[in-house]
Amino acid sequence: MGLFIAFEVIGIIGMVQGFGSALVTQVWGGNWALMRWALEWQPVAGIAVGVLGLLIASIGWSGQKRIKSSRR
């Protein structure tokens, strides 16, 4: 179960970083420190990182559901 929680946390961090950087660079014209490497490719890079984070988090969520349902 710990592995699925790690997937969930890493995925949520990826979603925040990706979608947050796309939002900050497009709406406010700012500079997201951890996504500075992708400034030339925004908002596509931010959306891609956010979707990847969503996929990783969904693996964690589905794994936790599967473990909880098998315990019943």
C-alpha atoms as a PDB file:
ATOM      1  CA  MET A   1       0.000   0.000   0.000  1.00  0.00           C
ATOM      2  CA  GLY A   2       2.933   2.331   0.633  1.00  0.00           C
ATOM      3  CA  LEU A   3       3.953   2.189  -3.013  1.00  0.00           C
ATOM      4  CA  PHE A   4       0.528   3.364  -4.135  1.00  0.00           C
ATOM      5  CA  ILE A   5       0.626   6.257  -1.682  1.00  0.00           C
ATOM      6  CA  ALA A   6       4.014   7.232  -3.109  1.00  0.00           C
ATOM      7  CA  PHE A   7       2.547   7.156  -6.635  1.00  0.00           C
ATOM      8  CA  GLU A   8      -0.322   9.330  -5.452  1.00  0.00           C
ATOM      9  CA  VAL A   9       1.954  11.917  -3.818  1.00  0.00           C
ATOM     10  CA  ILE A  10       4.388  12.047  -6.748  1.00  0.00           C
ATOM     11  CA  GLY A  11       1.488  12.355  -9.175  1.00  0.00           C
ATOM     12  CA  ILE A  12      -0.108  15.201  -7.260  1.00  0.00           C
ATOM     13  CA  ILE A  13       3.222  17.034  -7.139  1.00  0.00           C
ATOM     14  CA  GLY A  14       3.558  16.539 -10.900  1.00  0.00           C
ATOM     15  CA  MET A  15       0.065  17.871 -11.507  1.00  0.00           C
ATOM     16  CA  VAL A  16       0.702  20.968  -9.402  1.00  0.00           C
ATOM     17  CA  GLN A  17       4.043  21.617 -11.074  1.00  0.00           C
ATOM     18  CA  GLY A  18       2.806  21.068 -14.607  1.00  0.00           C
ATOM     19  CA  PHE A  19      -0.564  22.761 -14.560  1.00  0.00           C
ATOM     20  CA  GLY A  20       0.697  25.471 -12.215  1.00  0.00           C
ATOM     21  CA  SER A  21       3.597  26.365 -14.475  1.00  0.00           C
ATOM     22  CA  ALA A  22       1.355  26.498 -17.536  1.00  0.00           C
ATOM     23  CA  LEU A  23      -1.073  28.751 -15.683  1.00  0.00           C
ATOM     24  CA  VAL A  24       1.587  31.068 -14.250  1.00  0.00           C
ATOM     25  CA  THR A  25       3.428  31.545 -17.539  1.00  0.00           C
ATOM     26  CA  GLN A  26       0.310  32.043 -19.647  1.00  0.00           C
ATOM     27  CA  VAL A  27      -1.937  34.074 -17.347  1.00  0.00           C
ATOM     28  CA  TRP A  28       0.476  36.101 -15.260  1.00  0.00           C
ATOM     29  CA  GLY A  29       3.584  35.987 -17.448  1.00  0.00           C
ATOM     30  CA  GLY A  30       5.586  34.740 -14.496  1.00  0.00           C
ATOM     31  CA  ASN A  31       8.433  32.324 -14.142  1.00  0.00           C
ATOM     32  CA  TRP A  32       7.803  29.027 -12.325  1.00  0.00           C
ATOM     33  CA  ALA A  33      11.138  28.168 -10.710  1.00  0.00           C
ATOM     34  CA  LEU A  34      11.041  24.367 -10.981  1.00  0.00           C
ATOM     35  CA  MET A  35       9.818  24.444 -14.586  1.00  0.00           C
ATOM     36  CA  ARG A  36      12.264  27.107 -15.782  1.00  0.00           C
ATOM     37  CA  TRP A  37      13.821  24.568 -18.163  1.00  0.00           C
ATOM     38  CA  ALA A  38      10.558  24.442 -20.117  1.00  0.00           C
ATOM     39  CA  LEU A  39       9.858  28.158 -20.582  1.00  0.00           C
ATOM     40  CA  GLU A  40      10.335  27.919 -24.339  1.00  0.00           C
ATOM     41  CA  TRP A  41       7.794  25.113 -24.611  1.00  0.00           C
ATOM     42  CA  GLN A  42       5.034  26.451 -22.344  1.00  0.00           C
ATOM     43  CA  PRO A  43       2.097  25.787 -22.084  1.00  0.00           C
ATOM     44  CA  VAL A  44       2.561  22.431 -23.870  1.00  0.00           C
ATOM     45  CA  ALA A  45       5.313  21.231 -21.518  1.00  0.00           C
ATOM     46  CA  GLY A  46       3.328  22.241 -18.442  1.00  0.00           C
ATOM     47  CA  ILE A  47       0.222  20.475 -19.654  1.00  0.00           C
ATOM     48  CA  ALA A  48       2.251  17.367 -20.547  1.00  0.00           C
ATOM     49  CA  VAL A  49       3.854  17.236 -17.092  1.00  0.00           C
ATOM     50  CA  GLY A  50       0.448  17.797 -15.478  1.00  0.00           C
ATOM     51  CA  VAL A  51      -1.168  14.987 -17.468  1.00  0.00           C
ATOM     52  CA  LEU A  52       1.737  12.671 -16.653  1.00  0.00           C
ATOM     53  CA  GLY A  53       1.240  13.519 -12.976  1.00  0.00           C
ATOM     54  CA  LEU A  54      -2.463  12.792 -13.335  1.00  0.00           C
ATOM     55  CA  LEU A  55      -1.699   9.370 -14.803  1.00  0.00           C
ATOM     56  CA  ILE A  56       0.751   8.535 -12.026  1.00  0.00           C
ATOM     57  CA  ALA A  57      -1.693   9.689  -9.349  1.00  0.00           C
ATOM     58  CA  SER A  58      -4.494   7.636 -10.914  1.00  0.00           C
ATOM     59  CA  ILE A  59      -2.295   4.528 -10.660  1.00  0.00           C
ATOM     60  CA  GLY A  60      -1.940   5.229  -6.957  1.00  0.00           C
ATOM     61  CA  TRP A  61      -5.659   5.857  -6.493  1.00  0.00           C
ATOM     62  CA  SER A  62      -6.712   2.714  -8.356  1.00  0.00           C
ATOM     63  CA  GLY A  63      -4.164   0.608  -6.495  1.00  0.00           C
ATOM     64  CA  GLN A  64      -5.440   1.813  -3.146  1.00  0.00           C
ATOM     65  CA  LYS A  65      -9.037   1.088  -4.174  1.00  0.00           C
ATOM     66  CA  ARG A  66      -8.072  -2.404  -5.293  1.00  0.00           C
ATOM     67  CA  ILE A  67      -6.347  -3.124  -1.964  1.00  0.00           C
ATOM     68  CA  LYS A  68      -9.294  -1.773   0.050  1.00  0.00           C
ATOM     69  CA  SER A  69     -11.832  -3.809  -1.933  1.00  0.00           C
ATOM     70  CA  SER A  70      -9.814  -7.026  -1.573  1.00  0.00           C
ATOM     71  CA  ARG A  71      -9.747  -6.652   2.224  1.00  0.00           C
ATOM     72  CA  ARG A  72     -13.527  -6.775   2.540  1.00  0.00           C
END
